[in-house]
Amino acid sequence: MLKHNATGLATLQRANKIGQEAGLQYIYLGNVPVHGDTYCPQCGKLLMDRTGYSITANKLKEGHCPKYNNREIKGVWS
């Protein structure tokens, strides 16, 4: 696969849109440094702000959206 170019951002964004339309709630574009944030699927609030592979802000409250406390965000948060 050394003779092939990396998948372009536009193609990854198109795949992201297709996944969202299919009902996927947590989609992360691989190998793209600024496209890995996590949003609440209920209210759209930014919950995990990522830059590259680092978390720059974690707004979760015990694994839940702070606006909709009953909305659990699936993942491992410790």
PDB file of N, CA and C in Angstrom:
ATOM      1  N   MET A   1       0.813  -1.201   0.000  1.00  0.00           N
ATOM      2  CA  MET A   1       0.000   0.000   0.000  1.00  0.00           C
ATOM      3  C   MET A   1       0.859   1.270   0.000  1.00  0.00           C
ATOM      4  N   LEU A   2       2.157   1.138  -0.199  1.00  0.00           N
ATOM      5  CA  LEU A   2       3.032   2.302  -0.180  1.00  0.00           C
ATOM      6  C   LEU A   2       2.862   3.187  -1.408  1.00  0.00           C
ATOM      7  N   LYS A   3       2.253   2.659  -2.460  1.00  0.00           N
ATOM      8  CA  LYS A   3       2.087   3.438  -3.683  1.00  0.00           C
ATOM      9  C   LYS A   3       0.757   4.183  -3.731  1.00  0.00           C
ATOM     10  N   HIS A   4       0.005   4.150  -2.653  1.00  0.00           N
ATOM     11  CA  HIS A   4      -1.307   4.795  -2.612  1.00  0.00           C
ATOM     12  C   HIS A   4      -1.269   6.016  -1.708  1.00  0.00           C
ATOM     13  N   ASN A   5      -2.047   7.025  -2.076  1.00  0.00           N
ATOM     14  CA  ASN A   5      -2.162   8.223  -1.238  1.00  0.00           C
ATOM     15  C   ASN A   5      -3.067   7.935  -0.045  1.00  0.00           C
ATOM     16  N   ALA A   6      -2.884   8.713   1.005  1.00  0.00           N
ATOM     17  CA  ALA A   6      -3.777   8.624   2.170  1.00  0.00           C
ATOM     18  C   ALA A   6      -5.185   9.050   1.742  1.00  0.00           C
ATOM     19  N   THR A   7      -6.172   8.539   2.423  1.00  0.00           N
ATOM     20  CA  THR A   7      -7.552   8.929   2.142  1.00  0.00           C
ATOM     21  C   THR A   7      -7.719  10.410   2.436  1.00  0.00           C
ATOM     22  N   GLY A   8      -8.286  11.144   1.513  1.00  0.00           N
ATOM     23  CA  GLY A   8      -8.440  12.588   1.653  1.00  0.00           C
ATOM     24  C   GLY A   8      -9.506  12.974   2.668  1.00  0.00           C
ATOM     25  N   LEU A   9      -9.376  14.175   3.205  1.00  0.00           N
ATOM     26  CA  LEU A   9     -10.311  14.676   4.216  1.00  0.00           C
ATOM     27  C   LEU A   9     -11.740  14.712   3.686  1.00  0.00           C
ATOM     28  N   ALA A  10     -11.942  15.131   2.448  1.00  0.00           N
ATOM     29  CA  ALA A  10     -13.297  15.203   1.888  1.00  0.00           C
ATOM     30  C   ALA A  10     -13.959  13.825   1.878  1.00  0.00           C
ATOM     31  N   THR A  11     -13.197  12.793   1.556  1.00  0.00           N
ATOM     32  CA  THR A  11     -13.736  11.428   1.550  1.00  0.00           C
ATOM     33  C   THR A  11     -14.088  10.990   2.968  1.00  0.00           C
ATOM     34  N   LEU A  12     -13.237  11.302   3.932  1.00  0.00           N
ATOM     35  CA  LEU A  12     -13.515  10.962   5.333  1.00  0.00           C
ATOM     36  C   LEU A  12     -14.752  11.698   5.833  1.00  0.00           C
ATOM     37  N   GLN A  13     -14.889  12.955   5.464  1.00  0.00           N
ATOM     38  CA  GLN A  13     -16.063  13.735   5.884  1.00  0.00           C
ATOM     39  C   GLN A  13     -17.341  13.174   5.256  1.00  0.00           C
ATOM     40  N   ARG A  14     -17.255  12.732   4.002  1.00  0.00           N
ATOM     41  CA  ARG A  14     -18.412  12.114   3.350  1.00  0.00           C
ATOM     42  C   ARG A  14     -18.800  10.820   4.068  1.00  0.00           C
ATOM     43  N   ALA A  15     -17.806  10.018   4.436  1.00  0.00           N
ATOM     44  CA  ALA A  15     -18.075   8.789   5.181  1.00  0.00           C
ATOM     45  C   ALA A  15     -18.696   9.111   6.544  1.00  0.00           C
ATOM     46  N   ASN A  16     -18.225  10.174   7.180  1.00  0.00           N
ATOM     47  CA  ASN A  16     -18.776  10.613   8.461  1.00  0.00           C
ATOM     48  C   ASN A  16     -20.264  10.953   8.313  1.00  0.00           C
ATOM     49  N   LYS A  17     -20.604  11.684   7.275  1.00  0.00           N
ATOM     50  CA  LYS A  17     -22.002  12.068   7.042  1.00  0.00           C
ATOM     51  C   LYS A  17     -22.871  10.839   6.802  1.00  0.00           C
ATOM     52  N   ILE A  18     -22.371   9.902   6.017  1.00  0.00           N
ATOM     53  CA  ILE A  18     -23.112   8.660   5.755  1.00  0.00           C
ATOM     54  C   ILE A  18     -23.354   7.904   7.061  1.00  0.00           C
ATOM     55  N   GLY A  19     -22.331   7.832   7.902  1.00  0.00           N
ATOM     56  CA  GLY A  19     -22.474   7.163   9.195  1.00  0.00           C
ATOM     57  C   GLY A  19     -23.492   7.837  10.090  1.00  0.00           C
ATOM     58  N   GLN A  20     -23.474   9.172  10.137  1.00  0.00           N
ATOM     59  CA  GLN A  20     -24.450   9.909  10.940  1.00  0.00           C
ATOM     60  C   GLN A  20     -25.866   9.667  10.438  1.00  0.00           C
ATOM     61  N   GLU A  21     -26.046   9.699   9.115  1.00  0.00           N
ATOM     62  CA  GLU A  21     -27.370   9.456   8.534  1.00  0.00           C
ATOM     63  C   GLU A  21     -27.853   8.035   8.801  1.00  0.00           C
ATOM     64  N   ALA A  22     -26.914   7.107   9.005  1.00  0.00           N
ATOM     65  CA  ALA A  22     -27.265   5.719   9.314  1.00  0.00           C
ATOM     66  C   ALA A  22     -27.553   5.516  10.802  1.00  0.00           C
ATOM     67  N   GLY A  23     -27.348   6.576  11.609  1.00  0.00           N
ATOM     68  CA  GLY A  23     -27.663   6.494  13.028  1.00  0.00           C
ATOM     69  C   GLY A  23     -26.473   6.312  13.955  1.00  0.00           C
ATOM     70  N   LEU A  24     -25.258   6.300  13.422  1.00  0.00           N
ATOM     71  CA  LEU A  24     -24.084   6.197  14.296  1.00  0.00           C
ATOM     72  C   LEU A  24     -23.907   7.506  15.066  1.00  0.00           C
ATOM     73  N   GLN A  25     -23.625   7.412  16.349  1.00  0.00           N
ATOM     74  CA  GLN A  25     -23.555   8.600  17.191  1.00  0.00           C
ATOM     75  C   GLN A  25     -22.133   9.053  17.487  1.00  0.00           C
ATOM     76  N   TYR A  26     -21.170   8.166  17.461  1.00  0.00           N
ATOM     77  CA  TYR A  26     -19.800   8.515  17.815  1.00  0.00           C
ATOM     78  C   TYR A  26     -18.881   8.070  16.692  1.00  0.00           C
ATOM     79  N   ILE A  27     -18.546   8.994  15.825  1.00  0.00           N
ATOM     80  CA  ILE A  27     -17.709   8.704  14.670  1.00  0.00           C
ATOM     81  C   ILE A  27     -16.425   9.509  14.808  1.00  0.00           C
ATOM     82  N   TYR A  28     -15.302   8.847  14.645  1.00  0.00           N
ATOM     83  CA  TYR A  28     -14.010   9.518  14.750  1.00  0.00           C
ATOM     84  C   TYR A  28     -13.234   9.265  13.470  1.00  0.00           C
ATOM     85  N   LEU A  29     -12.790  10.333  12.847  1.00  0.00           N
ATOM     86  CA  LEU A  29     -12.013  10.220  11.623  1.00  0.00           C
ATOM     87  C   LEU A  29     -10.572   9.927  11.986  1.00  0.00           C
ATOM     88  N   GLY A  30     -10.049   8.812  11.516  1.00  0.00           N
ATOM     89  CA  GLY A  30      -8.699   8.399  11.857  1.00  0.00           C
ATOM     90  C   GLY A  30      -7.627   9.182  11.125  1.00  0.00           C
ATOM     91  N   ASN A  31      -6.529   9.392  11.814  1.00  0.00           N
ATOM     92  CA  ASN A  31      -5.345  10.051  11.258  1.00  0.00           C
ATOM     93  C   ASN A  31      -5.617  11.460  10.748  1.00  0.00           C
ATOM     94  N   VAL A  32      -6.607  12.127  11.340  1.00  0.00           N
ATOM     95  CA  VAL A  32      -6.907  13.517  11.032  1.00  0.00           C
ATOM     96  C   VAL A  32      -6.869  14.253  12.368  1.00  0.00           C
ATOM     97  N   PRO A  33      -5.900  15.117  12.588  1.00  0.00           N
ATOM     98  CA  PRO A  33      -5.648  15.634  13.930  1.00  0.00           C
ATOM     99  C   PRO A  33      -6.772  16.417  14.600  1.00  0.00           C
ATOM    100  N   VAL A  34      -7.667  17.034  13.875  1.00  0.00           N
ATOM    101  CA  VAL A  34      -8.652  17.892  14.545  1.00  0.00           C
ATOM    102  C   VAL A  34     -10.093  17.421  14.358  1.00  0.00           C
ATOM    103  N   HIS A  35     -10.306  16.148  14.066  1.00  0.00           N
ATOM    104  CA  HIS A  35     -11.660  15.661  13.814  1.00  0.00           C
ATOM    105  C   HIS A  35     -12.018  14.495  14.723  1.00  0.00           C
ATOM    106  N   GLY A  36     -11.734  14.604  16.028  1.00  0.00           N
ATOM    107  CA  GLY A  36     -12.012  13.514  16.943  1.00  0.00           C
ATOM    108  C   GLY A  36     -12.787  13.932  18.166  1.00  0.00           C
ATOM    109  N   ASP A  37     -13.489  15.071  18.097  1.00  0.00           N
ATOM    110  CA  ASP A  37     -14.249  15.546  19.248  1.00  0.00           C
ATOM    111  C   ASP A  37     -15.497  14.686  19.462  1.00  0.00           C
ATOM    112  N   THR A  38     -16.008  14.681  20.695  1.00  0.00           N
ATOM    113  CA  THR A  38     -17.222  13.945  21.032  1.00  0.00           C
ATOM    114  C   THR A  38     -18.300  14.949  21.412  1.00  0.00           C
ATOM    115  N   TYR A  39     -19.462  14.804  20.805  1.00  0.00           N
ATOM    116  CA  TYR A  39     -20.607  15.671  21.072  1.00  0.00           C
ATOM    117  C   TYR A  39     -21.754  14.844  21.633  1.00  0.00           C
ATOM    118  N   CYS A  40     -22.594  15.464  22.446  1.00  0.00           N
ATOM    119  CA  CYS A  40     -23.786  14.784  22.957  1.00  0.00           C
ATOM    120  C   CYS A  40     -24.755  14.578  21.797  1.00  0.00           C
ATOM    121  N   PRO A  41     -25.188  13.340  21.559  1.00  0.00           N
ATOM    122  CA  PRO A  41     -26.124  13.106  20.462  1.00  0.00           C
ATOM    123  C   PRO A  41     -27.507  13.685  20.732  1.00  0.00           C
ATOM    124  N   GLN A  42     -27.791  14.052  21.989  1.00  0.00           N
ATOM    125  CA  GLN A  42     -29.102  14.595  22.323  1.00  0.00           C
ATOM    126  C   GLN A  42     -29.157  16.111  22.154  1.00  0.00           C
ATOM    127  N   CYS A  43     -28.135  16.829  22.654  1.00  0.00           N
ATOM    128  CA  CYS A  43     -28.182  18.297  22.612  1.00  0.00           C
ATOM    129  C   CYS A  43     -27.120  18.918  21.711  1.00  0.00           C
ATOM    130  N   GLY A  44     -26.139  18.126  21.272  1.00  0.00           N
ATOM    131  CA  GLY A  44     -25.104  18.633  20.395  1.00  0.00           C
ATOM    132  C   GLY A  44     -23.956  19.342  21.094  1.00  0.00           C
ATOM    133  N   LYS A  45     -23.968  19.373  22.425  1.00  0.00           N
ATOM    134  CA  LYS A  45     -22.922  20.050  23.198  1.00  0.00           C
ATOM    135  C   LYS A  45     -21.585  19.321  23.059  1.00  0.00           C
ATOM    136  N   LEU A  46     -20.499  20.089  22.908  1.00  0.00           N
ATOM    137  CA  LEU A  46     -19.163  19.517  22.871  1.00  0.00           C
ATOM    138  C   LEU A  46     -18.823  18.958  24.251  1.00  0.00           C
ATOM    139  N   LEU A  47     -18.479  17.684  24.298  1.00  0.00           N
ATOM    140  CA  LEU A  47     -18.194  17.030  25.573  1.00  0.00           C
ATOM    141  C   LEU A  47     -16.713  16.706  25.748  1.00  0.00           C
ATOM    142  N   MET A  48     -16.069  16.259  24.689  1.00  0.00           N
ATOM    143  CA  MET A  48     -14.645  15.925  24.726  1.00  0.00           C
ATOM    144  C   MET A  48     -13.978  16.667  23.580  1.00  0.00           C
ATOM    145  N   ASP A  49     -13.105  17.589  23.923  1.00  0.00           N
ATOM    146  CA  ASP A  49     -12.372  18.352  22.915  1.00  0.00           C
ATOM    147  C   ASP A  49     -11.001  17.720  22.761  1.00  0.00           C
ATOM    148  N   ARG A  50     -10.690  17.299  21.548  1.00  0.00           N
ATOM    149  CA  ARG A  50      -9.411  16.637  21.290  1.00  0.00           C
ATOM    150  C   ARG A  50      -8.617  17.423  20.259  1.00  0.00           C
ATOM    151  N   THR A  51      -7.327  17.460  20.472  1.00  0.00           N
ATOM    152  CA  THR A  51      -6.390  17.991  19.494  1.00  0.00           C
ATOM    153  C   THR A  51      -5.363  16.899  19.258  1.00  0.00           C
ATOM    154  N   GLY A  52      -5.331  16.391  18.060  1.00  0.00           N
ATOM    155  CA  GLY A  52      -4.484  15.239  17.791  1.00  0.00           C
ATOM    156  C   GLY A  52      -4.973  14.069  18.619  1.00  0.00           C
ATOM    157  N   TYR A  53      -4.086  13.482  19.387  1.00  0.00           N
ATOM    158  CA  TYR A  53      -4.456  12.359  20.246  1.00  0.00           C
ATOM    159  C   TYR A  53      -4.538  12.753  21.711  1.00  0.00           C
ATOM    160  N   SER A  54      -4.601  14.063  21.970  1.00  0.00           N
ATOM    161  CA  SER A  54      -4.684  14.563  23.346  1.00  0.00           C
ATOM    162  C   SER A  54      -6.069  15.134  23.622  1.00  0.00           C
ATOM    163  N   ILE A  55      -6.563  14.911  24.829  1.00  0.00           N
ATOM    164  CA  ILE A  55      -7.828  15.508  25.256  1.00  0.00           C
ATOM    165  C   ILE A  55      -7.514  16.865  25.863  1.00  0.00           C
ATOM    166  N   THR A  56      -8.067  17.919  25.280  1.00  0.00           N
ATOM    167  CA  THR A  56      -7.820  19.272  25.772  1.00  0.00           C
ATOM    168  C   THR A  56      -8.934  19.766  26.688  1.00  0.00           C
ATOM    169  N   ALA A  57     -10.101  19.132  26.636  1.00  0.00           N
ATOM    170  CA  ALA A  57     -11.196  19.467  27.546  1.00  0.00           C
ATOM    171  C   ALA A  57     -12.111  18.258  27.686  1.00  0.00           C
ATOM    172  N   ASN A  58     -12.467  17.933  28.921  1.00  0.00           N
ATOM    173  CA  ASN A  58     -13.394  16.851  29.218  1.00  0.00           C
ATOM    174  C   ASN A  58     -14.536  17.452  30.027  1.00  0.00           C
ATOM    175  N   LYS A  59     -15.694  17.610  29.410  1.00  0.00           N
ATOM    176  CA  LYS A  59     -16.841  18.252  30.064  1.00  0.00           C
ATOM    177  C   LYS A  59     -17.861  17.249  30.576  1.00  0.00           C
ATOM    178  N   LEU A  60     -17.526  15.965  30.514  1.00  0.00           N
ATOM    179  CA  LEU A  60     -18.433  14.933  31.015  1.00  0.00           C
ATOM    180  C   LEU A  60     -18.537  15.009  32.544  1.00  0.00           C
ATOM    181  N   LYS A  61     -19.685  14.670  33.050  1.00  0.00           N
ATOM    182  CA  LYS A  61     -19.913  14.558  34.487  1.00  0.00           C
ATOM    183  C   LYS A  61     -20.251  13.107  34.791  1.00  0.00           C
ATOM    184  N   GLU A  62     -19.250  12.371  35.294  1.00  0.00           N
ATOM    185  CA  GLU A  62     -19.416  10.952  35.605  1.00  0.00           C
ATOM    186  C   GLU A  62     -19.958  10.175  34.406  1.00  0.00           C
ATOM    187  N   GLY A  63     -19.405  10.449  33.217  1.00  0.00           N
ATOM    188  CA  GLY A  63     -19.786   9.731  32.018  1.00  0.00           C
ATOM    189  C   GLY A  63     -21.100  10.167  31.393  1.00  0.00           C
ATOM    190  N   HIS A  64     -21.622  11.308  31.823  1.00  0.00           N
ATOM    191  CA  HIS A  64     -22.904  11.803  31.322  1.00  0.00           C
ATOM    192  C   HIS A  64     -22.763  13.234  30.805  1.00  0.00           C
ATOM    193  N   CYS A  65     -23.657  13.605  29.904  1.00  0.00           N
ATOM    194  CA  CYS A  65     -23.721  14.977  29.411  1.00  0.00           C
ATOM    195  C   CYS A  65     -24.119  15.892  30.566  1.00  0.00           C
ATOM    196  N   PRO A  66     -23.410  17.018  30.797  1.00  0.00           N
ATOM    197  CA  PRO A  66     -23.770  17.893  31.906  1.00  0.00           C
ATOM    198  C   PRO A  66     -25.131  18.576  31.718  1.00  0.00           C
ATOM    199  N   LYS A  67     -25.583  18.730  30.477  1.00  0.00           N
ATOM    200  CA  LYS A  67     -26.888  19.357  30.238  1.00  0.00           C
ATOM    201  C   LYS A  67     -28.030  18.364  30.448  1.00  0.00           C
ATOM    202  N   TYR A  68     -27.833  17.144  29.947  1.00  0.00           N
ATOM    203  CA  TYR A  68     -28.833  16.089  30.082  1.00  0.00           C
ATOM    204  C   TYR A  68     -28.211  14.974  30.907  1.00  0.00           C
ATOM    205  N   ASN A  69     -28.253  15.105  32.219  1.00  0.00           N
ATOM    206  CA  ASN A  69     -27.568  14.177  33.115  1.00  0.00           C
ATOM    207  C   ASN A  69     -27.997  12.733  32.900  1.00  0.00           C
ATOM    208  N   ASN A  70     -29.191  12.531  32.379  1.00  0.00           N
ATOM    209  CA  ASN A  70     -29.641  11.158  32.134  1.00  0.00           C
ATOM    210  C   ASN A  70     -29.053  10.587  30.843  1.00  0.00           C
ATOM    211  N   ARG A  71     -28.344  11.409  30.057  1.00  0.00           N
ATOM    212  CA  ARG A  71     -27.775  10.946  28.791  1.00  0.00           C
ATOM    213  C   ARG A  71     -26.375  10.400  29.020  1.00  0.00           C
ATOM    214  N   GLU A  72     -26.268   9.073  29.110  1.00  0.00           N
ATOM    215  CA  GLU A  72     -24.963   8.440  29.284  1.00  0.00           C
ATOM    216  C   GLU A  72     -24.209   8.478  27.968  1.00  0.00           C
ATOM    217  N   ILE A  73     -22.938   8.820  28.035  1.00  0.00           N
ATOM    218  CA  ILE A  73     -22.064   8.813  26.874  1.00  0.00           C
ATOM    219  C   ILE A  73     -21.206   7.551  26.982  1.00  0.00           C
ATOM    220  N   LYS A  74     -21.404   6.632  26.079  1.00  0.00           N
ATOM    221  CA  LYS A  74     -20.705   5.348  26.140  1.00  0.00           C
ATOM    222  C   LYS A  74     -19.202   5.549  25.975  1.00  0.00           C
ATOM    223  N   GLY A  75     -18.422   4.862  26.782  1.00  0.00           N
ATOM    224  CA  GLY A  75     -16.983   4.925  26.684  1.00  0.00           C
ATOM    225  C   GLY A  75     -16.323   4.567  28.007  1.00  0.00           C
ATOM    226  N   VAL A  76     -15.025   4.581  28.000  1.00  0.00           N
ATOM    227  CA  VAL A  76     -14.248   4.348  29.216  1.00  0.00           C
ATOM    228  C   VAL A  76     -13.638   5.691  29.587  1.00  0.00           C
ATOM    229  N   TRP A  77     -14.031   6.257  30.704  1.00  0.00           N
ATOM    230  CA  TRP A  77     -13.682   7.635  31.057  1.00  0.00           C
ATOM    231  C   TRP A  77     -12.748   7.718  32.252  1.00  0.00           C
ATOM    232  N   SER A  78     -12.012   6.678  32.535  1.00  0.00           N
ATOM    233  CA  SER A  78     -11.052   6.756  33.648  1.00  0.00           C
ATOM    234  C   SER A  78      -9.706   6.237  33.224  1.00  0.00           C
TER     235      SER A  78
END
